[in-house]
Protein backbone atom coordinates (compact mmCIF):
# COMPACT_ATOMS: atom_id res chain seq x y z
CA MET A 1 -0.19 -18.58 9.80
CA TRP A 2 -3.96 -17.55 10.44
CA ALA A 3 -3.07 -17.72 14.13
CA ILE A 4 -0.60 -14.83 13.42
CA CYS A 5 -2.73 -12.92 11.03
CA LYS A 6 -5.54 -13.09 13.77
CA LYS A 7 -3.15 -11.68 16.47
CA GLU A 8 -2.16 -8.75 14.01
CA LEU A 9 -5.85 -7.76 13.36
CA ARG A 10 -6.52 -7.98 17.21
CA GLN A 11 -3.52 -5.95 18.26
CA PHE A 12 -4.43 -3.19 15.61
CA PHE A 13 -7.82 -2.70 16.56
CA SER A 14 -7.28 -3.11 20.31
CA SER A 15 -6.47 0.47 20.53
CA LEU A 16 -7.69 3.89 19.07
CA THR A 17 -4.66 4.56 17.00
CA GLY A 18 -5.92 1.71 14.49
CA TYR A 19 -9.19 3.53 14.20
CA ILE A 20 -7.75 6.71 14.05
CA ALA A 21 -5.46 5.86 11.16
CA ILE A 22 -8.26 4.48 9.01
CA ILE A 23 -10.62 7.60 9.79
CA VAL A 24 -7.80 9.95 8.75
CA PHE A 25 -7.11 8.22 5.80
CA LEU A 26 -10.82 8.26 4.68
CA LEU A 27 -11.38 11.86 5.79
CA ALA A 28 -8.17 13.11 3.88
CA ASN A 29 -9.62 11.47 0.71
CA GLY A 30 -13.03 12.59 1.20
CA LEU A 31 -11.95 16.18 1.71
CA ALA A 32 -10.01 16.11 -1.40
CA LEU A 33 -12.72 14.80 -3.46
CA PHE A 34 -15.63 16.73 -2.54
CA VAL A 35 -14.56 19.89 -0.29
CA PHE A 36 -11.08 21.17 -1.07
CA GLU A 37 -10.36 23.37 -4.24
CA ASP A 38 -10.52 21.54 -7.48
CA ASN A 39 -12.77 18.87 -6.10
CA ILE A 40 -14.83 16.52 -8.28
CA LEU A 41 -17.82 18.78 -8.14
CA ASP A 42 -15.91 21.54 -9.50
CA PHE A 43 -14.80 19.52 -12.42
CA GLY A 44 -18.31 19.05 -13.94
CA TYR A 45 -17.90 15.39 -14.95
CA ALA A 46 -18.02 12.05 -13.02
CA THR A 47 -14.44 10.75 -12.37
CA LEU A 48 -12.55 9.31 -9.41
CA ASP A 49 -9.16 10.06 -10.98
CA LYS A 50 -8.33 12.64 -8.35
CA PHE A 51 -8.94 9.77 -5.69
CA PHE A 52 -6.41 7.52 -7.40
CA GLN A 53 -3.86 10.08 -7.72
CA LEU A 54 -4.08 10.99 -4.10
CA ALA A 55 -4.49 7.50 -2.48
CA PRO A 56 -0.97 6.18 -3.08
CA TRP A 57 0.46 9.18 -1.25
CA ILE A 58 -1.75 8.88 1.70
CA LEU A 59 -1.10 5.01 1.52
CA LEU A 60 2.47 6.06 1.88
CA LEU A 61 1.93 7.37 5.44
CA LEU A 62 -0.84 4.99 6.39
CA ILE A 63 0.90 1.64 5.65
CA PRO A 64 4.13 2.33 7.32
CA ALA A 65 2.17 3.26 10.19
CA ILE A 66 0.09 0.01 10.07
CA THR A 67 3.39 -2.22 9.68
CA MET A 68 5.91 -0.52 11.67
CA ARG A 69 5.32 -2.51 14.77
CA SER A 70 4.85 -5.99 13.28
CA PHE A 71 8.25 -7.06 14.11
CA ALA A 72 9.94 -4.19 15.76
CA ASP A 73 7.74 -4.59 18.82
CA GLU A 74 8.12 -8.31 18.91
CA PHE A 75 12.05 -7.91 18.88
CA LYS A 76 11.74 -5.17 21.55
CA GLY A 77 9.53 -7.11 23.88
CA GLY A 78 11.09 -10.11 23.55
CA THR A 79 8.17 -12.02 22.14
CA PHE A 80 9.70 -13.04 19.01
CA GLU A 81 11.57 -15.66 20.94
CA ILE A 82 8.14 -17.11 22.08
CA LEU A 83 6.93 -17.15 18.51
CA GLN A 84 9.91 -19.28 17.81
CA THR A 85 8.91 -22.02 20.38
CA ARG A 86 5.67 -22.59 18.52
CA PRO A 87 5.20 -24.85 15.74
CA LEU A 88 5.49 -22.39 13.18
CA THR A 89 7.91 -22.13 10.13
CA ARG A 90 9.61 -18.51 9.49
CA TRP A 91 7.47 -18.42 6.46
CA GLN A 92 4.20 -19.11 8.43
CA ILE A 93 5.28 -16.15 10.50
CA VAL A 94 6.22 -13.66 7.79
CA ASN A 95 2.94 -14.61 5.78
CA GLY A 96 0.68 -14.26 8.92
CA LYS A 97 2.06 -10.63 9.66
CA TYR A 98 1.98 -9.83 6.05
CA LEU A 99 -1.80 -11.15 5.44
CA GLY A 100 -2.94 -9.44 8.71
CA SER A 101 -1.35 -5.93 7.61
CA LEU A 102 -2.78 -6.20 4.30
CA ILE A 103 -6.33 -7.02 5.58
CA VAL A 104 -6.11 -3.96 7.61
CA VAL A 105 -5.18 -2.03 4.74
CA LEU A 106 -7.94 -3.41 2.66
CA ILE A 107 -10.57 -2.69 5.39
CA ALA A 108 -9.41 0.96 5.19
CA LEU A 109 -9.88 0.90 1.38
CA LEU A 110 -13.32 -0.88 1.45
CA PRO A 111 -15.39 2.26 2.50
CA THR A 112 -13.97 4.26 -0.54
CA ILE A 113 -16.33 2.40 -2.98
CA VAL A 114 -18.99 4.79 -1.20
CA TYR A 115 -17.33 7.45 -3.33
CA PHE A 116 -18.07 5.49 -6.41
CA PHE A 117 -21.64 5.20 -5.77
CA SER A 118 -21.91 8.74 -4.63
CA ILE A 119 -20.58 10.19 -7.78
CA GLN A 120 -22.61 7.89 -9.94
CA GLN A 121 -25.58 9.21 -8.22
CA LEU A 122 -24.43 12.70 -8.61
CA SER A 123 -23.55 12.26 -12.60
CA THR A 124 -26.10 13.57 -14.86
CA ASP A 125 -24.31 12.06 -17.99
CA ALA A 126 -23.41 8.38 -18.52
CA GLY A 127 -21.70 8.18 -14.96
CA ILE A 128 -18.12 6.90 -13.99
CA ASP A 129 -16.43 4.39 -16.56
CA THR A 130 -16.75 1.51 -14.42
CA GLY A 131 -14.04 -0.50 -16.25
CA ALA A 132 -11.45 2.13 -15.68
CA THR A 133 -12.67 2.42 -11.88
CA ILE A 134 -12.12 -1.57 -11.27
CA GLY A 135 -8.89 -1.30 -13.03
CA SER A 136 -7.70 1.51 -10.75
CA TYR A 137 -8.87 -0.33 -7.71
CA ILE A 138 -7.03 -3.38 -8.85
CA GLY A 139 -3.98 -1.20 -9.32
CA LEU A 140 -4.53 0.25 -5.86
CA PHE A 141 -4.74 -3.07 -4.32
CA PHE A 142 -1.30 -4.26 -5.87
CA LEU A 143 0.19 -0.92 -4.86
CA ALA A 144 -1.12 -1.37 -1.31
CA ALA A 145 0.22 -5.07 -1.26
CA VAL A 146 3.66 -3.81 -2.43
CA PHE A 147 3.82 -1.13 0.18
CA THR A 148 2.60 -3.67 2.96
CA SER A 149 5.44 -5.70 2.01
CA ILE A 150 8.07 -3.31 2.13
CA GLY A 151 6.53 -2.34 5.74
CA ILE A 152 6.96 -5.46 7.00
CA CYS A 153 10.47 -5.87 5.65
CA SER A 154 11.58 -2.87 7.15
CA SER A 155 10.07 -3.51 10.72
CA SER A 156 12.15 -6.84 10.39
CA PHE A 157 15.44 -4.69 10.53
CA THR A 158 15.07 -3.03 13.79
CA ASN A 159 13.43 -3.08 17.19
CA ASN A 160 12.32 0.37 16.93
CA ALA A 161 9.08 1.01 15.37
CA VAL A 162 9.74 4.65 14.53
CA VAL A 163 12.84 3.92 12.81
CA ALA A 164 10.62 1.21 10.94
CA PHE A 165 8.40 3.80 10.11
CA ILE A 166 10.80 6.16 8.51
CA VAL A 167 12.65 3.57 6.55
CA SER A 168 9.30 2.21 5.41
CA LEU A 169 8.05 5.48 4.26
CA ILE A 170 11.43 6.33 2.67
CA ALA A 171 11.52 3.12 0.86
CA CYS A 172 7.96 3.21 -0.50
CA ALA A 173 8.34 6.74 -1.80
CA LEU A 174 11.52 6.02 -3.79
CA LEU A 175 10.04 2.85 -5.33
CA TYR A 176 6.81 4.46 -6.14
CA TYR A 177 8.16 7.80 -7.64
CA GLY A 178 12.05 7.47 -7.44
CA PHE A 179 12.46 6.10 -10.70
CA SER A 180 9.80 8.08 -12.59
CA ALA A 181 11.83 11.04 -11.26
CA ILE A 182 15.19 9.70 -12.32
CA SER A 183 13.63 8.94 -15.82
CA LYS A 184 12.98 12.65 -16.17
CA LEU A 185 16.51 13.74 -15.98
CA PRO A 186 18.39 15.37 -18.93
CA GLY A 187 20.41 12.63 -20.79
CA LEU A 188 18.08 9.65 -20.36
CA GLU A 189 16.10 10.23 -23.72
CA GLY A 190 15.82 8.19 -26.47
CA GLY A 191 14.47 4.93 -24.69
CA ALA A 192 16.34 4.71 -21.61
CA ASP A 193 13.91 7.20 -19.87
CA TYR A 194 11.08 4.42 -20.58
CA TYR A 195 13.15 1.37 -19.13
CA VAL A 196 14.16 3.62 -15.97
CA ALA A 197 10.32 4.40 -15.33
CA MET A 198 9.20 0.85 -15.98
CA ALA A 199 11.44 0.07 -12.84
CA GLY A 200 9.27 1.93 -10.48
CA ILE A 201 5.75 1.20 -9.04
CA ASP A 202 4.11 4.41 -10.49
CA PHE A 203 4.46 2.98 -14.04
CA HIS A 204 2.70 -0.12 -13.53
CA TYR A 205 0.19 1.40 -11.25
CA THR A 206 -0.56 3.96 -14.07
CA SER A 207 -0.76 1.28 -16.32
CA ILE A 208 -3.33 -0.83 -14.45
CA SER A 209 -5.39 2.02 -13.85
CA ARG A 210 -6.20 2.43 -17.45
CA GLY A 211 -8.62 -0.46 -17.21
CA VAL A 212 -6.53 -2.82 -18.83
CA ILE A 213 -4.92 -5.72 -16.92
CA ASP A 214 -1.39 -6.45 -18.29
CA SER A 215 0.30 -9.52 -17.22
CA ARG A 216 3.67 -7.50 -17.04
CA ASP A 217 2.27 -5.23 -14.54
CA VAL A 218 1.14 -8.19 -12.34
CA ILE A 219 4.29 -9.96 -12.78
CA TYR A 220 6.05 -6.94 -11.57
CA PHE A 221 3.88 -6.38 -8.54
CA LEU A 222 4.11 -10.03 -7.42
CA SER A 223 8.17 -10.10 -7.78
CA VAL A 224 8.58 -6.95 -5.79
CA ILE A 225 6.13 -8.57 -3.03
CA ILE A 226 7.95 -11.79 -3.28
CA LEU A 227 11.52 -9.91 -3.00
CA PHE A 228 10.42 -7.83 0.07
CA LEU A 229 8.91 -11.07 1.95
CA THR A 230 12.03 -13.07 1.12
CA ILE A 231 14.38 -10.53 2.72
CA THR A 232 12.04 -10.54 5.62
CA HIS A 233 12.43 -14.20 5.79
CA ARG A 234 16.25 -13.94 5.67
CA ASN A 235 16.33 -11.42 8.36
CA LEU A 236 14.25 -13.86 10.73
CA LEU A 237 16.60 -16.86 9.93
CA LYS A 238 19.40 -14.47 11.49
CA ARG A 239 17.47 -14.03 14.73
């Protein structure tokens, strides 16, 4: 499994594409936080709320771009057959690919901690709510972990990386905001809207971002991750 993970990391960082993707992610967040209209300097108080609201939408593009080649290129190049000859189980292959991609995403997220310290230094009052910020980062980690599992799963359906990217992008967007949008439809008032929204990622991401770790949110994220990795595993068994 670790050999597969290292291979994924080498492949991603062996070209400029990987570095460009991470730089674009950091640049987009940085501009939104400090440069564009309604940036945190205009707010007059220390908060990273804008970052945690924007980051999921940027990750919707970044993560499918990271995962789209995971299995699609293996199938297209015929190298998956070589993987099958190695003393690796299907689960080890899936977990190795997943872990490698997730580490890349975490590498992209790690520099954003600079935003926290920068705003803390610029603040003239009590500073940022550290507890809420930690909770938001935990929520962002789980969200990224779910998006990565969806991306890996999408790549296991096709030998075309572009198709994998599009499918992953649509699936992540629907699971992130689709249920929240449906819950706002007329006729779902009176409690039904709550349960519909609860099926989506946005509901649980927002819940954790308040700074309180609820076991129901953690169970939800882990369940979705396991579901998509299981589907990926079943796809590989058919190969």
